[in-house]
Protein backbone atom coordinates (compact mmCIF):
# COMPACT_ATOMS: atom_id res chain seq x y z
CA MET A 1 0.78 31.73 -36.30
CA ALA A 2 3.28 33.22 -33.89
CA GLU A 3 6.89 32.13 -34.11
CA GLU A 4 6.75 30.78 -30.55
CA ASP A 5 3.77 28.53 -31.43
CA HIS A 6 5.63 27.24 -34.48
CA HIS A 7 8.62 26.21 -32.34
CA GLN A 8 6.34 24.42 -29.87
CA MET A 9 4.77 22.43 -32.71
CA GLU A 10 8.19 21.45 -34.05
CA ASP A 11 9.19 20.15 -30.62
CA LYS A 12 6.12 17.88 -30.42
CA CYS A 13 6.50 16.26 -33.84
CA GLN A 14 9.51 13.99 -34.19
CA ILE A 15 10.43 11.42 -36.81
CA TYR A 16 11.87 8.11 -35.63
CA SER A 17 13.46 5.37 -37.67
CA LEU A 18 11.43 2.23 -38.25
CA ASN A 19 14.03 0.11 -36.45
CA MET A 20 13.79 2.28 -33.35
CA VAL A 21 9.98 1.98 -33.26
CA LYS A 22 10.19 -1.78 -33.88
CA GLU A 23 12.46 -2.16 -30.86
CA SER A 24 10.56 0.14 -28.51
CA ASN A 25 6.90 -0.61 -29.41
CA PRO A 26 6.74 -3.76 -31.54
CA ILE A 27 3.16 -4.78 -30.73
CA GLU A 28 1.71 -1.31 -31.31
CA LEU A 29 3.59 -1.01 -34.61
CA ALA A 30 2.42 -4.44 -35.80
CA GLU A 31 -1.20 -3.60 -34.92
CA TYR A 32 -0.85 -0.25 -36.69
CA ALA A 33 0.53 -1.98 -39.79
CA ILE A 34 -2.42 -4.40 -39.86
CA LEU A 35 -5.04 -1.68 -39.31
CA ASN A 36 -3.58 0.45 -42.10
CA CYS A 37 -3.14 -2.50 -44.50
CA ILE A 38 0.61 -2.01 -44.82
CA ASP A 39 1.51 -5.38 -43.30
CA ASP A 40 2.14 -6.73 -46.83
CA GLU A 41 4.91 -4.18 -47.41
CA PRO A 42 8.43 -5.69 -47.47
CA ALA A 43 9.46 -3.89 -44.26
CA PHE A 44 6.61 -5.52 -42.35
CA LYS A 45 5.68 -8.73 -44.15
CA TRP A 46 8.10 -11.13 -42.39
CA TRP A 47 7.95 -9.34 -39.06
CA VAL A 48 4.29 -8.57 -38.28
CA SER A 49 3.12 -12.18 -38.11
CA LEU A 50 5.93 -13.07 -35.68
CA VAL A 51 5.12 -10.18 -33.35
CA ILE A 52 1.38 -10.88 -33.39
CA HIS A 53 2.07 -14.56 -32.69
CA LYS A 54 4.28 -13.63 -29.70
CA ARG A 55 1.61 -11.21 -28.44
CA ASN A 56 -1.05 -13.91 -28.62
CA ARG A 57 1.17 -16.35 -26.73
CA MET A 58 1.78 -13.79 -23.97
CA VAL A 59 -1.92 -12.99 -23.65
CA ASN A 60 -2.82 -16.68 -23.50
CA LYS A 61 -0.25 -17.30 -20.75
CA VAL A 62 -1.64 -14.46 -18.67
CA LYS A 63 -5.22 -15.69 -19.16
CA LYS A 64 -4.21 -19.22 -18.22
CA LYS A 65 -2.53 -18.04 -15.02
CA TYR A 66 -5.50 -15.83 -14.13
CA TRP A 67 -7.98 -18.69 -14.30
CA ARG A 68 -5.62 -21.12 -12.57
CA ALA A 69 -5.13 -18.95 -9.44
CA THR A 70 -8.01 -19.73 -7.10
CA HIS A 71 -6.41 -18.94 -3.73
CA LYS A 72 -3.94 -16.36 -2.53
CA PHE A 73 -2.45 -16.50 0.96
CA GLY A 74 -5.08 -19.10 1.82
CA ILE A 75 -8.00 -16.88 0.78
CA ARG A 76 -10.28 -17.86 -2.10
CA ILE A 77 -10.11 -15.27 -4.90
CA PRO A 78 -13.41 -14.61 -6.72
CA LYS A 79 -13.55 -14.16 -10.50
CA SER A 80 -16.76 -12.08 -10.47
CA VAL A 81 -18.79 -9.85 -8.17
CA ALA A 82 -21.46 -12.53 -7.84
CA GLU A 83 -18.85 -15.06 -6.72
CA ALA A 84 -17.43 -12.55 -4.22
CA LEU A 85 -20.86 -11.99 -2.68
CA GLN A 86 -21.41 -15.76 -2.59
CA ILE A 87 -18.14 -16.17 -0.66
CA ASP A 88 -19.35 -13.52 1.80
CA ASN A 89 -22.61 -15.43 2.32
CA GLU A 90 -20.72 -18.70 2.85
CA ASN A 91 -18.35 -17.13 5.38
CA GLY A 92 -21.00 -15.05 7.14
CA ASN A 93 -19.16 -11.74 6.67
CA THR A 94 -19.06 -8.78 4.28
CA TYR A 95 -15.33 -8.52 3.55
CA TRP A 96 -15.66 -8.82 -0.24
CA ALA A 97 -18.71 -6.54 -0.39
CA ASP A 98 -16.83 -3.92 1.66
CA ALA A 99 -13.79 -4.21 -0.60
CA ILE A 100 -15.93 -3.84 -3.74
CA ALA A 101 -17.70 -0.79 -2.27
CA LYS A 102 -14.35 0.77 -1.36
CA GLU A 103 -12.93 0.23 -4.88
CA MET A 104 -16.07 1.53 -6.56
CA GLY A 105 -15.98 4.56 -4.29
CA LYS A 106 -12.51 5.35 -5.62
CA ALA A 107 -13.50 4.66 -9.22
CA LYS A 108 -16.79 6.57 -9.01
CA VAL A 109 -14.94 9.80 -9.75
CA VAL A 110 -13.82 8.40 -13.10
CA TYR A 111 -17.14 6.94 -14.24
CA ILE A 112 -19.91 9.24 -15.37
CA PRO A 113 -23.41 7.68 -15.39
CA VAL A 114 -25.02 7.59 -18.82
């Protein structure tokens, strides 16, 4: 291995203290601890359950708000494609169908048919 390659590898690999990672990415660290069965270690035992509980509360709040919002600026917001097309039929226009086609046209580049 060339000396230049060795220096590039050293730059990419850094060691951070556990406290720094806990502060910057607490949810990812807690999930990592659970997946690797180290959540019973003293450094994680008291902390992981609290972080996972907070994460679950945040997710539940977001879900609750998502399902509660039915209108925005006086326009009914659909929760599925079928509901969007139903709204178009009720209103006698194709606004939602056009919007879906436009979004899928942008996303088509990302998706590869299987």
